[in-house]
Each structure stands twice: as C-alpha cells, then as structure tokens.
C-alpha cells in the first residue's frame, strides 16, 4: 500500500513539473497560432503635434532610484526622447536616500539641451525607506491619468507612451505591460529564460490573462493604484494583479520595449532570483483569490504559471525522495539515476562553465539554479528572513 502511495506521489508530481515546463508552453504556442494577438495599434505622430493629441491622457513616468549613478544619465536622456505631447507627459525621478552621485548626475543631466522640452522633477529623499514606501509616497501626489513605473537601467522605445495610451482607450483596461529584453548577458541560460518568458507572456496575453509585469516598464491607471503593504517584495506583480483582482484587464503590448542595460553575473543573478522567489511566495499567498474559478483565464494562467513555478522545487524533491524509497524496483531505480545524472550535469555546468559550456548544459544549470533559488527564497519569506529594503545587486 505504501508503495502505491509513493508511486502516486511520484507520477503526480512529475506530471505537474512536466506540464509546467513543457505542456503549458506548448499550449500557449498553440493558442498563439490559432488566435494571433493584435500587434498593437499603430501611430503616425512622429513627434509632430496633431489633433489626436487633445484626446490623449496625461502620463507620469515614475522612476524609483537608489544608487544608480551608472545609468541615471542615460535613462534621463532616453526619457527625454519619447514621442508624446509634452504638455501631457512628465517624469519624476524619486531618489531614495542615495549614498552615491545619483542625484547630482540627474540634476546635471536634466540641464542638457536634449532634455529642455521635457518636464523632469528630481525628488531627493534624505533617508532610505525602501522602494514600496517610496512608491506609496509618490503615488499619493501623482495626479495624471496614467502612471508608468520604470527601472533606471531600462531604456524605453520612443513610441512606448503612444502605444500604451491607445490600449487605455478601452475602459476595461487597467494595466499595460511591456516586452522586456536584455541588451547583453554573460549568462546564456538567462537570455534563454527571458526569451521563454516573452513567449509565455505573449501566450497568456492571447488568452486574455496576462499575469504580472516587469519592473523595467509597465503602465496603469493612476486612480486604480492601491497602497502597497510595507513588506511588499515584488511590487511589479502586486500592483498590476491587485488591479486585475478588482475586475480590470491587464494587456501585453509587444511593441512597447524595455531594454535592460545592466548585465548580471551568475552570483548576482542568484541573489536577485532569491528575492524574486521570496516575492513569488508572498504574492501567491496574498493573491490566492485569483485561483478561484470566477477569474476564469486569469485563474488558469496564475495556477499554470506562477503557482506551479512556486511549488516546482517541492515537487522535484517529492520525485527524488519517492523514487529513492522505491529504488528497489527497476523502474524507479532508473528514474532515480536519471534525476541524479541531471542534477550532476547541472552542477558541473555551474562550477566548471568553461569545460561544460554547451548551451543546453548551461540552460540546464540555469534551470536547476533557478529552482534552488525558488525553494530557498520561498522559505526565506515564510521564516521572515526577507524584507523590502533596496538591495544593490
């Protein structure tokens, strides 16, 4: 009887792991082929004032910053080049107790000729309070129709605001998400991961159930913002999904691009993923209501994507230990050897990347490392070891 129970645990867990990583993406690809998503409205403004400008909503881009002296000048120059009516668009750079030269560089950059036609406001807070406190403070004074949150290290495509505001013409749309891509990475596994995430996001959008956002750039109706709890970790998920929970739609615009400039080493990438994973545990607990059937496609994508990703490392442990306990049987002994070999190859690709440099080995290493971070990060949140303070990674 015990053997039957353990075998059932193994095959149930293995099926869920395979579904999340293979079945769900295949389903999304099929949906994209059968129901191609609209590539987004086109605009011909090209920096020239037109009659349509009078109907465009006002937009504020909020850029939280903490010790960003390396990228802040490029960010400001990029934002000054966006194509949108200047009387309906402003930028707030909110510096949260920076200890480097971020504020000085920002103040000098907005004096450049390229920035002269764009309204910039540099807000310098003396004390570091954390990103969520900063966002809550600034959202209380932003009065534009639409707010965009954007990371300092991400450059935005010049027509991003025009494309985003056209989606907001639909009254049910509360959030517009962008396409995230990296300029460069020393980690091929990371590049493949983000290509995979872009495909998933496209498929979920085709289902009408876009999940979450990326902090590099996303838009939302200002009046729909709800103040974040002080311990919020993944604000770029909690903000949009709280709006979705209230009955509004989140859409994905693939032509609104956010280009990440800052490459991340493997060591720093693991730290970043630890924090994201802690946030995944938090957001699943806080937004568990989205798994209810009344949310339809959103419930399906939230369960198949975010929730299964969170529990995958636990499912993998169940597979390993159940097959270990059943290893006296030839089938489970073989399955145990396959798992051990897979994990060993992944570790070798991580500790000896110059020798085990094949792209598939590197992707496997990134995959296993990601789920290790997923496990550890989730446990850190459960045991209260994660907070919302800025961490420069």
Protein backbone atom coordinates (compact mmCIF):
# COMPACT_ATOMS: atom_id res chain seq x y z
CA UNK A 1 0.00 0.00 0.00
CA UNK A 2 2.83 2.40 0.85
CA UNK A 3 4.49 1.66 -2.49
CA UNK A 4 1.31 2.56 -4.34
CA UNK A 5 1.05 5.83 -2.41
CA UNK A 6 4.70 6.73 -3.12
CA UNK A 7 4.31 5.83 -6.80
CA UNK A 8 1.22 8.01 -6.98
CA UNK A 9 3.13 10.90 -5.38
CA UNK A 10 5.95 10.49 -7.87
CA UNK A 11 3.84 10.39 -11.02
CA UNK A 12 1.54 13.20 -9.87
CA UNK A 13 4.50 15.45 -9.04
CA UNK A 14 6.38 14.53 -12.21
CA UNK A 15 3.28 15.21 -14.32
CA UNK A 16 2.85 18.68 -12.81
CA UNK A 17 6.55 19.52 -13.34
CA UNK A 18 6.42 18.38 -16.98
CA UNK A 19 3.13 20.22 -17.55
CA UNK A 20 4.51 23.49 -16.18
CA UNK A 21 7.73 23.38 -18.22
CA UNK A 22 6.54 21.64 -21.38
CA UNK A 23 2.78 21.21 -21.57
CA UNK A 24 1.84 24.76 -20.60
CA UNK A 25 4.28 26.44 -23.05
CA UNK A 26 3.12 24.11 -25.87
CA UNK A 27 -0.48 25.03 -25.09
CA UNK A 28 0.36 28.73 -25.18
CA UNK A 29 2.19 28.34 -28.50
CA UNK A 30 -0.84 26.59 -29.93
CA UNK A 31 -3.12 29.36 -28.71
CA UNK A 32 -0.84 31.98 -30.31
CA UNK A 33 -1.03 30.19 -33.66
CA UNK A 34 -4.79 29.73 -33.59
CA UNK A 35 -5.62 33.12 -32.10
CA UNK A 36 -2.85 35.53 -33.14
CA UNK A 37 -2.60 38.54 -30.88
CA UNK A 38 -3.07 42.01 -32.28
CA UNK A 39 0.37 43.58 -32.68
CA UNK A 40 -0.97 46.79 -31.21
CA UNK A 41 -2.32 50.00 -32.62
CA UNK A 42 -0.07 51.93 -34.93
CA UNK A 43 0.64 55.61 -34.68
CA UNK A 44 1.92 58.13 -37.20
CA UNK A 45 2.58 61.04 -34.85
CA UNK A 46 6.37 61.10 -35.37
CA UNK A 47 6.98 63.95 -32.91
CA UNK A 48 4.53 66.21 -34.79
CA UNK A 49 1.58 67.74 -32.94
CA UNK A 50 -1.78 66.54 -34.25
CA UNK A 51 -5.49 66.80 -33.45
CA UNK A 52 -5.40 63.43 -31.65
CA UNK A 53 -3.09 64.95 -29.02
CA UNK A 54 -6.03 66.77 -27.44
CA UNK A 55 -7.62 63.46 -26.51
CA UNK A 56 -4.51 61.77 -25.19
CA UNK A 57 -4.39 61.08 -21.44
CA UNK A 58 -1.75 62.62 -19.21
CA UNK A 59 1.12 60.29 -18.26
CA UNK A 60 3.65 60.42 -15.44
CA UNK A 61 6.68 58.16 -15.55
CA UNK A 62 7.87 57.40 -12.04
CA UNK A 63 11.47 56.19 -11.81
CA UNK A 64 12.46 54.99 -8.32
CA UNK A 65 16.23 55.23 -7.87
CA UNK A 66 18.71 54.04 -5.30
CA UNK A 67 22.45 54.40 -6.03
CA UNK A 68 22.03 54.43 -9.81
CA UNK A 69 24.86 56.75 -10.80
CA UNK A 70 25.99 54.39 -13.56
CA UNK A 71 22.74 54.55 -15.58
CA UNK A 72 20.76 57.59 -14.45
CA UNK A 73 22.08 59.96 -17.15
CA UNK A 74 21.28 57.53 -19.97
CA UNK A 75 17.82 56.95 -18.51
CA UNK A 76 17.04 60.66 -18.40
CA UNK A 77 18.25 61.19 -21.97
CA UNK A 78 16.15 58.26 -23.12
CA UNK A 79 13.02 59.59 -21.41
CA UNK A 80 13.55 63.00 -22.98
CA UNK A 81 13.33 61.38 -26.44
CA UNK A 82 9.94 59.71 -26.02
CA UNK A 83 7.32 60.73 -28.57
CA UNK A 84 4.35 62.17 -26.68
CA UNK A 85 2.76 65.61 -26.27
CA UNK A 86 5.00 67.47 -23.86
CA UNK A 87 2.11 69.15 -22.06
CA UNK A 88 0.67 65.72 -21.20
CA UNK A 89 3.85 63.99 -20.06
CA UNK A 90 6.23 64.38 -17.14
CA UNK A 91 8.98 62.39 -15.44
CA UNK A 92 9.62 62.06 -11.72
CA UNK A 93 12.99 60.68 -10.61
CA UNK A 94 12.50 59.68 -6.97
CA UNK A 95 15.84 59.16 -5.23
CA UNK A 96 15.51 57.14 -2.03
CA UNK A 97 18.38 58.21 0.21
CA UNK A 98 21.11 57.63 -2.37
CA UNK A 99 24.65 57.49 -0.99
CA UNK A 100 26.40 57.89 -4.35
CA UNK A 101 26.21 60.64 -7.00
CA UNK A 102 22.83 59.69 -8.49
CA UNK A 103 21.13 62.96 -7.50
CA UNK A 104 23.97 65.20 -8.66
CA UNK A 105 24.22 63.43 -12.03
CA UNK A 106 20.45 63.54 -12.51
CA UNK A 107 20.27 67.27 -11.75
CA UNK A 108 23.11 67.98 -14.16
CA UNK A 109 21.66 65.81 -16.94
CA UNK A 110 18.24 67.47 -17.00
CA UNK A 111 20.03 70.74 -17.82
CA UNK A 112 21.26 69.31 -21.13
CA UNK A 113 19.70 70.63 -24.33
CA UNK A 114 18.18 67.27 -25.19
CA UNK A 115 16.11 67.43 -22.00
CA UNK A 116 14.90 71.01 -22.36
CA UNK A 117 11.43 70.20 -23.71
CA UNK A 118 10.56 67.50 -21.16
CA UNK A 119 9.33 68.22 -17.65
CA UNK A 120 11.62 66.49 -15.16
CA UNK A 121 11.28 66.55 -11.41
CA UNK A 122 14.08 65.22 -9.20
CA UNK A 123 12.82 64.31 -5.73
CA UNK A 124 15.61 63.65 -3.26
CA UNK A 125 14.72 61.90 -0.02
CA UNK A 126 17.39 62.18 2.64
CA UNK A 127 16.67 58.80 4.22
CA UNK A 128 16.38 55.40 2.59
CA UNK A 129 12.94 53.97 3.35
CA UNK A 130 12.63 51.20 0.76
CA UNK A 131 11.01 51.01 -2.66
CA UNK A 132 7.46 50.30 -1.51
CA UNK A 133 7.43 53.26 0.87
CA UNK A 134 8.82 55.42 -1.92
CA UNK A 135 6.16 54.29 -4.39
CA UNK A 136 3.35 54.82 -1.87
CA UNK A 137 4.61 58.33 -1.10
CA UNK A 138 4.89 59.36 -4.74
CA UNK A 139 1.61 57.80 -5.86
CA UNK A 140 -0.21 59.91 -3.28
CA UNK A 141 0.80 63.08 -5.16
CA UNK A 142 0.70 61.89 -8.81
CA UNK A 143 -2.46 63.20 -10.48
CA UNK A 144 -2.02 62.14 -14.12
CA UNK A 145 -4.47 59.78 -15.84
CA UNK A 146 -1.83 57.09 -16.29
CA UNK A 147 1.30 56.23 -14.33
CA UNK A 148 4.25 54.29 -15.69
CA UNK A 149 6.78 52.65 -13.37
CA UNK A 150 10.22 52.08 -14.87
CA UNK A 151 13.63 50.90 -13.67
CA UNK A 152 16.61 53.20 -14.09
CA UNK A 153 18.66 50.64 -16.02
CA UNK A 154 15.98 50.02 -18.69
CA UNK A 155 15.72 52.10 -21.86
CA UNK A 156 12.24 52.59 -23.34
CA UNK A 157 11.27 52.53 -27.02
CA UNK A 158 10.43 56.01 -28.32
CA UNK A 159 6.78 55.26 -29.16
CA UNK A 160 6.06 53.41 -25.91
CA UNK A 161 3.70 56.02 -24.49
CA UNK A 162 1.72 56.37 -27.70
CA UNK A 163 1.21 52.63 -28.00
CA UNK A 164 0.33 52.21 -24.33
CA UNK A 165 -2.24 55.01 -24.21
CA UNK A 166 -4.13 53.53 -27.15
CA UNK A 167 -4.83 50.40 -25.11
CA UNK A 168 -6.24 52.55 -22.30
CA UNK A 169 -8.94 53.79 -24.66
CA UNK A 170 -10.72 50.56 -23.76
CA UNK A 171 -12.40 51.38 -20.42
CA UNK A 172 -11.87 47.89 -19.01
CA UNK A 173 -8.07 48.02 -19.42
CA UNK A 174 -6.31 48.87 -16.18
CA UNK A 175 -2.71 47.73 -16.90
CA UNK A 176 -0.47 47.65 -19.97
CA UNK A 177 2.67 45.52 -19.84
CA UNK A 178 5.78 45.88 -21.98
CA UNK A 179 8.17 43.49 -23.69
CA UNK A 180 11.35 43.02 -21.66
CA UNK A 181 14.66 42.14 -23.27
CA UNK A 182 18.31 42.23 -22.29
CA UNK A 183 20.98 44.13 -24.16
CA UNK A 184 23.62 41.61 -23.16
CA UNK A 185 24.28 38.87 -20.65
CA UNK A 186 27.26 36.72 -19.75
CA UNK A 187 24.77 34.01 -18.87
CA UNK A 188 23.25 32.26 -21.91
CA UNK A 189 20.79 30.50 -19.64
CA UNK A 190 19.45 33.88 -18.53
CA UNK A 191 18.95 35.00 -22.13
CA UNK A 192 17.08 31.81 -22.97
CA UNK A 193 14.98 32.21 -19.84
CA UNK A 194 13.81 35.67 -20.84
CA UNK A 195 13.07 34.51 -24.38
CA UNK A 196 10.94 31.79 -22.81
CA UNK A 197 9.21 34.31 -20.54
CA UNK A 198 8.41 36.55 -23.51
CA UNK A 199 6.78 33.60 -25.28
CA UNK A 200 4.76 32.76 -22.15
CA UNK A 201 3.67 36.37 -21.76
CA UNK A 202 2.56 36.51 -25.40
CA UNK A 203 0.54 33.32 -24.98
CA UNK A 204 -1.08 34.46 -21.75
CA UNK A 205 -1.99 37.76 -23.40
CA UNK A 206 -3.60 35.85 -26.26
CA UNK A 207 -5.75 34.06 -23.67
CA UNK A 208 -6.71 37.47 -22.29
CA UNK A 209 -5.00 36.70 -18.99
CA UNK A 210 -1.67 38.50 -18.87
CA UNK A 211 -0.05 37.80 -15.48
CA UNK A 212 2.13 40.31 -13.66
CA UNK A 213 4.53 42.80 -15.15
CA UNK A 214 8.24 43.57 -15.23
CA UNK A 215 9.63 46.46 -13.23
CA UNK A 216 11.52 47.67 -16.30
CA UNK A 217 8.28 49.26 -17.54
CA UNK A 218 4.55 48.90 -17.01
CA UNK A 219 1.58 51.27 -17.11
CA UNK A 220 -1.60 51.50 -15.03
CA UNK A 221 -4.48 53.87 -14.45
CA UNK A 222 -3.39 56.11 -11.60
CA UNK A 223 -6.71 56.06 -9.72
CA UNK A 224 -6.65 52.23 -9.59
CA UNK A 225 -3.45 52.11 -7.54
CA UNK A 226 -3.84 50.68 -4.06
CA UNK A 227 -1.13 51.46 -1.47
CA UNK A 228 1.35 48.64 -1.04
CA UNK A 229 1.92 46.86 2.24
CA UNK A 230 5.19 47.89 3.84
CA UNK A 231 6.68 44.41 3.36
CA UNK A 232 5.81 44.08 -0.35
CA UNK A 233 8.65 42.47 -2.31
CA UNK A 234 7.52 42.13 -5.95
CA UNK A 235 5.73 45.45 -6.42
CA UNK A 236 5.70 44.89 -10.20
CA UNK A 237 3.41 41.89 -9.65
CA UNK A 238 1.32 43.07 -6.72
CA UNK A 239 0.37 46.43 -8.30
CA UNK A 240 -0.98 45.08 -11.62
CA UNK A 241 -2.57 41.94 -10.18
CA UNK A 242 -4.36 43.91 -7.47
CA UNK A 243 -5.89 45.94 -10.29
CA UNK A 244 -6.82 42.72 -12.12
CA UNK A 245 -8.38 41.32 -8.93
CA UNK A 246 -10.57 44.44 -8.80
CA UNK A 247 -12.06 43.48 -12.16
CA UNK A 248 -9.86 45.26 -14.72
CA UNK A 249 -7.85 43.79 -17.58
CA UNK A 250 -4.07 43.65 -17.99
CA UNK A 251 -2.86 43.60 -21.58
CA UNK A 252 0.52 42.99 -23.18
CA UNK A 253 1.90 45.26 -25.89
CA UNK A 254 4.84 43.50 -27.61
CA UNK A 255 5.90 46.67 -29.43
CA UNK A 256 6.49 48.58 -26.20
CA UNK A 257 10.07 47.59 -25.46
CA UNK A 258 12.12 47.92 -22.29
CA UNK A 259 15.80 47.20 -22.91
CA UNK A 260 17.83 46.18 -19.86
CA UNK A 261 21.31 47.70 -19.95
CA UNK A 262 22.73 46.20 -16.78
CA UNK A 263 24.20 42.74 -17.21
CA UNK A 264 24.13 40.44 -14.20
CA UNK A 265 26.76 37.91 -13.16
CA UNK A 266 25.75 34.40 -12.16
CA UNK A 267 26.39 35.12 -8.47
CA UNK A 268 24.35 38.33 -8.50
CA UNK A 269 21.67 36.71 -10.63
CA UNK A 270 21.18 34.07 -7.93
CA UNK A 271 20.76 36.78 -5.27
CA UNK A 272 18.23 38.56 -7.47
CA UNK A 273 16.28 35.36 -8.03
CA UNK A 274 16.27 34.64 -4.30
CA UNK A 275 14.46 37.91 -3.70
CA UNK A 276 12.08 37.37 -6.61
CA UNK A 277 11.30 33.89 -5.31
CA UNK A 278 10.53 35.26 -1.86
CA UNK A 279 8.20 37.69 -3.60
CA UNK A 280 6.60 34.82 -5.52
CA UNK A 281 5.75 33.11 -2.24
CA UNK A 282 4.35 36.35 -0.84
CA UNK A 283 2.25 37.20 -3.90
CA UNK A 284 0.79 33.69 -4.14
CA UNK A 285 -0.36 33.91 -0.54
CA UNK A 286 -1.69 37.47 -0.87
CA UNK A 287 -3.41 36.91 -4.22
CA UNK A 288 -4.59 33.32 -3.74
CA UNK A 289 -8.11 34.55 -4.50
CA UNK A 290 -7.08 34.77 -8.18
CA UNK A 291 -7.06 30.96 -8.28
CA UNK A 292 -10.84 30.87 -7.84
CA UNK A 293 -12.84 29.73 -10.90
CA UNK A 294 -14.63 33.09 -11.21
CA UNK A 295 -11.40 34.60 -12.54
CA UNK A 296 -11.51 32.15 -15.46
CA UNK A 297 -8.47 32.54 -17.74
CA UNK A 298 -6.59 34.54 -15.10
CA UNK A 299 -7.06 31.70 -12.62
CA UNK A 300 -5.80 29.21 -15.21
CA UNK A 301 -2.65 31.17 -16.07
CA UNK A 302 -1.97 32.09 -12.44
CA UNK A 303 -2.16 28.41 -11.48
CA UNK A 304 -0.26 27.06 -14.50
CA UNK A 305 2.41 29.72 -14.48
CA UNK A 306 3.13 31.45 -11.20
CA UNK A 307 1.74 28.93 -8.71
CA UNK A 308 3.26 25.83 -10.31
CA UNK A 309 6.58 27.65 -10.65
CA UNK A 310 6.50 28.33 -6.92
CA UNK A 311 5.85 24.72 -5.94
CA UNK A 312 8.03 23.06 -8.61
CA UNK A 313 11.09 22.63 -6.33
CA UNK A 314 8.92 20.88 -3.76
CA UNK A 315 7.51 18.63 -6.48
CA UNK A 316 11.05 17.84 -7.63
CA UNK A 317 12.01 16.88 -4.07
CA UNK A 318 8.95 14.63 -3.86
CA UNK A 319 10.01 12.95 -7.11
CA UNK A 320 13.55 12.42 -5.85
CA UNK A 321 12.73 11.01 -2.42
CA UNK A 322 9.79 8.89 -3.56
CA UNK A 323 11.93 7.29 -6.29
CA UNK A 324 14.72 6.83 -3.73
CA UNK A 325 12.35 4.98 -1.40
CA UNK A 326 11.15 2.85 -4.32
CA UNK A 327 14.61 2.28 -5.79
CA UNK A 328 14.42 -1.47 -5.18
CA UNK A 329 12.10 -1.54 -8.19
CA UNK A 330 13.87 -1.33 -11.58
CA UNK A 331 11.65 1.44 -12.98
CA UNK A 332 12.15 3.78 -10.04
CA UNK A 333 15.85 2.92 -9.81
CA UNK A 334 16.20 4.05 -13.43
CA UNK A 335 14.21 7.21 -12.76
CA UNK A 336 16.40 7.93 -9.73
CA UNK A 337 19.56 7.57 -11.82
CA UNK A 338 18.13 9.96 -14.43
CA UNK A 339 17.46 12.56 -11.75
CA UNK A 340 20.90 12.19 -10.18
CA UNK A 341 22.59 12.46 -13.58
CA UNK A 342 20.56 15.55 -14.46
CA UNK A 343 21.44 17.33 -11.22
CA UNK A 344 25.10 16.31 -11.51
CA UNK A 345 25.38 17.70 -15.04
CA UNK A 346 23.73 20.92 -13.91
CA UNK A 347 26.20 21.31 -11.03
CA UNK A 348 29.17 20.63 -13.33
CA UNK A 349 27.89 23.26 -15.75
CA UNK A 350 27.73 25.70 -12.87
CA UNK A 351 31.12 25.05 -11.23
CA UNK A 352 33.05 24.27 -14.45
CA UNK A 353 31.38 26.51 -17.07
CA UNK A 354 34.44 26.63 -19.36
CA UNK A 355 34.54 22.85 -19.66
CA UNK A 356 30.81 22.17 -19.66
CA UNK A 357 29.98 25.12 -21.88
CA UNK A 358 27.41 23.57 -24.21
CA UNK A 359 24.34 25.82 -24.37
CA UNK A 360 21.98 23.06 -23.28
CA UNK A 361 24.13 22.27 -20.25
CA UNK A 362 24.25 25.96 -19.35
CA UNK A 363 20.48 26.22 -19.72
CA UNK A 364 20.05 23.15 -17.51
CA UNK A 365 22.34 24.75 -14.90
CA UNK A 366 20.31 27.95 -15.02
CA UNK A 367 17.11 25.92 -14.71
CA UNK A 368 18.25 23.96 -11.65
CA UNK A 369 19.81 27.04 -10.03
CA UNK A 370 16.55 28.90 -10.56
CA UNK A 371 14.51 26.28 -8.78
CA UNK A 372 17.07 26.13 -5.97
CA UNK A 373 16.63 29.87 -5.54
CA UNK A 374 12.89 29.35 -5.78
CA UNK A 375 12.99 26.88 -2.89
CA UNK A 376 15.35 28.88 -0.68
CA UNK A 377 13.74 32.25 -1.45
CA UNK A 378 10.27 30.95 -0.63
CA UNK A 379 11.45 29.51 2.66
CA UNK A 380 13.21 32.79 3.49
CA UNK A 381 9.90 34.59 3.14
CA UNK A 382 8.00 32.03 5.21
CA UNK A 383 10.53 32.31 8.04
CA UNK A 384 10.65 36.12 7.88
CA UNK A 385 14.18 36.45 6.51
CA UNK A 386 13.28 38.71 3.57
CA UNK A 387 12.43 42.41 3.78
CA UNK A 388 11.52 45.19 1.38
CA UNK A 389 14.70 47.28 1.62
CA UNK A 390 16.65 48.14 -1.51
CA UNK A 391 19.45 45.75 -2.33
CA UNK A 392 22.02 46.82 -4.91
CA UNK A 393 22.67 43.66 -6.97
